[in-house]
């Protein structure tokens, strides 16, 4: 199947790390690093197909976040992955609107309408019933809107 000059046999194995490096277009040092990181192969027998599959998973996988791609399993990397998972959970909660207490927001909003009621009273005293009534109707509409959302 292969020529004797390439060292490739019928099972797609080569005998040296230098031949692996030529096959993958990498340096011999990179192949040494792969082997020390768990890539299949021992001196005299380097299965290229198995090495290729290992490299796809452990070296060439492209994550949107390079820190999450395969490789080292240090404590710092695990902490980083944990933080990323926590951030993803927070993002999900925000998207689902569960990060806030809707009842508390509703009560706060409705309570803040008291400031507008006081302003409506001042407008009525200063400019007559018509001016205060406009603001009072707007407050009632806002309250109805909040209640309709609460019923959903």
Protein backbone atom coordinates (compact mmCIF):
# COMPACT_ATOMS: atom_id res chain seq x y z
CA UNK A 1 0.00 0.00 0.00
CA UNK A 2 2.70 2.50 0.92
CA UNK A 3 6.23 2.75 -0.30
CA UNK A 4 9.14 1.77 1.87
CA UNK A 5 10.47 5.34 1.78
CA UNK A 6 7.37 6.65 3.57
CA UNK A 7 7.31 3.88 6.18
CA UNK A 8 3.51 3.60 5.84
CA UNK A 9 2.16 0.04 6.01
CA UNK A 10 -1.20 -1.46 5.01
CA UNK A 11 -2.70 -0.69 8.43
CA UNK A 12 -1.78 3.00 8.13
CA UNK A 13 0.86 2.82 10.79
CA UNK A 14 4.28 4.38 10.83
CA UNK A 15 7.27 3.48 12.95
CA UNK A 16 8.59 6.86 14.05
CA UNK A 17 7.34 10.15 15.41
CA UNK A 18 9.18 11.91 12.58
CA UNK A 19 7.03 10.03 10.06
CA UNK A 20 3.92 11.02 12.02
CA UNK A 21 5.04 14.63 11.94
CA UNK A 22 5.49 14.48 8.14
CA UNK A 23 2.07 12.85 7.72
CA UNK A 24 0.27 15.50 9.80
CA UNK A 25 2.46 18.39 8.62
CA UNK A 26 3.55 19.12 12.18
CA UNK A 27 6.79 19.19 14.09
CA UNK A 28 8.19 16.11 15.80
CA UNK A 29 7.92 18.02 19.10
CA UNK A 30 4.16 18.44 18.56
CA UNK A 31 3.80 14.70 18.02
CA UNK A 32 5.78 14.11 21.25
CA UNK A 33 3.37 16.44 23.08
CA UNK A 34 0.37 14.60 21.62
CA UNK A 35 1.74 11.23 22.76
CA UNK A 36 2.42 12.54 26.26
CA UNK A 37 -1.16 13.93 26.36
CA UNK A 38 -2.66 10.52 25.58
CA UNK A 39 -2.59 10.24 21.80
CA UNK A 40 -2.43 6.61 20.65
CA UNK A 41 0.99 5.34 19.65
CA UNK A 42 4.12 3.81 21.09
CA UNK A 43 7.66 3.67 19.85
CA UNK A 44 7.72 1.62 16.65
CA UNK A 45 3.93 1.71 16.09
CA UNK A 46 1.98 4.92 15.48
CA UNK A 47 -1.55 4.22 14.14
CA UNK A 48 -2.29 7.26 11.98
CA UNK A 49 -6.07 6.72 11.76
CA UNK A 50 -6.38 6.48 15.55
CA UNK A 51 -4.08 9.47 15.99
CA UNK A 52 -6.20 11.45 13.56
CA UNK A 53 -9.39 10.71 15.52
CA UNK A 54 -7.65 11.63 18.78
CA UNK A 55 -6.41 14.91 17.30
CA UNK A 56 -9.89 15.81 16.04
CA UNK A 57 -11.32 15.51 19.54
CA UNK A 58 -8.40 16.71 21.63
CA UNK A 59 -6.53 19.22 19.50
CA UNK A 60 -8.53 20.42 16.52
CA UNK A 61 -11.97 20.82 18.04
CA UNK A 62 -12.98 24.46 17.56
CA UNK A 63 -15.05 25.77 20.43
CA UNK A 64 -16.54 29.25 20.44
CA UNK A 65 -14.48 29.61 23.61
CA UNK A 66 -10.92 28.27 23.26
CA UNK A 67 -10.69 27.76 27.02
CA UNK A 68 -13.46 25.14 26.78
CA UNK A 69 -11.87 23.13 23.99
CA UNK A 70 -10.17 19.83 24.77
CA UNK A 71 -6.82 19.72 26.44
CA UNK A 72 -5.61 20.40 29.92
CA UNK A 73 -7.79 19.56 32.90
CA UNK A 74 -6.28 21.97 35.44
CA UNK A 75 -8.13 23.22 38.51
CA UNK A 76 -8.19 26.73 37.03
CA UNK A 77 -9.73 25.43 33.81
CA UNK A 78 -12.39 23.56 35.76
CA UNK A 79 -13.15 26.71 37.78
CA UNK A 80 -13.37 28.66 34.53
CA UNK A 81 -15.77 26.10 33.09
CA UNK A 82 -17.86 26.34 36.27
CA UNK A 83 -18.03 30.12 35.97
CA UNK A 84 -19.06 29.80 32.33
CA UNK A 85 -21.83 27.39 33.33
CA UNK A 86 -22.99 29.80 36.05
CA UNK A 87 -23.08 32.67 33.54
CA UNK A 88 -25.07 30.54 31.11
CA UNK A 89 -27.57 29.74 33.88
CA UNK A 90 -27.92 33.44 34.76
CA UNK A 91 -28.42 34.27 31.09
CA UNK A 92 -31.13 31.62 30.83
CA UNK A 93 -32.87 32.96 33.94
CA UNK A 94 -32.76 36.49 32.52
CA UNK A 95 -34.25 35.26 29.24
CA UNK A 96 -37.00 33.46 31.13
CA UNK A 97 -37.57 36.56 33.31
CA UNK A 98 -37.00 34.60 36.49
CA UNK A 99 -34.09 36.68 37.77
CA UNK A 100 -36.46 39.22 39.25
CA UNK A 101 -39.39 38.77 41.54
CA UNK A 102 -42.30 39.90 39.34
CA UNK A 103 -44.59 40.44 42.34
CA UNK A 104 -42.05 42.76 43.95
CA UNK A 105 -41.63 44.72 40.73
CA UNK A 106 -45.42 44.96 40.34
CA UNK A 107 -45.87 46.21 43.91
CA UNK A 108 -43.05 48.72 43.54
CA UNK A 109 -44.47 50.04 40.28
CA UNK A 110 -47.98 50.35 41.66
CA UNK A 111 -46.62 52.02 44.80
CA UNK A 112 -44.72 54.54 42.71
CA UNK A 113 -48.00 55.62 41.13
CA UNK A 114 -48.74 57.31 44.47
CA UNK A 115 -46.32 60.08 43.46
CA UNK A 116 -48.43 60.68 40.37
CA UNK A 117 -51.64 60.69 42.43
CA UNK A 118 -50.15 63.42 44.60
CA UNK A 119 -49.17 65.34 41.48
CA UNK A 120 -52.74 64.95 40.14
CA UNK A 121 -54.03 66.46 43.39
CA UNK A 122 -51.68 69.43 43.05
CA UNK A 123 -52.72 69.94 39.42
CA UNK A 124 -56.39 69.89 40.47
CA UNK A 125 -55.74 72.52 43.17
CA UNK A 126 -53.75 74.75 40.86
CA UNK A 127 -55.52 74.36 37.50
CA UNK A 128 -58.91 72.82 38.30
CA UNK A 129 -60.52 69.39 37.99
CA UNK A 130 -59.76 68.93 34.27
CA UNK A 131 -55.96 68.96 34.66
CA UNK A 132 -55.91 66.54 37.60
CA UNK A 133 -58.45 64.28 35.93
CA UNK A 134 -56.20 63.71 32.89
CA UNK A 135 -53.38 62.46 35.10
CA UNK A 136 -55.75 60.40 37.30
CA UNK A 137 -57.12 58.62 34.21
CA UNK A 138 -53.57 57.87 33.04
CA UNK A 139 -52.80 56.36 36.46
CA UNK A 140 -55.91 54.18 36.32
CA UNK A 141 -54.96 53.00 32.81
CA UNK A 142 -51.47 52.11 34.05
CA UNK A 143 -52.92 50.15 36.97
CA UNK A 144 -55.26 48.23 34.64
CA UNK A 145 -52.35 47.44 32.36
CA UNK A 146 -50.31 46.03 35.25
CA UNK A 147 -53.26 43.95 36.45
CA UNK A 148 -53.85 42.54 32.95
CA UNK A 149 -50.21 41.44 32.70
CA UNK A 150 -50.49 39.90 36.16
CA UNK A 151 -53.50 37.82 35.04
CA UNK A 152 -51.62 36.23 32.11
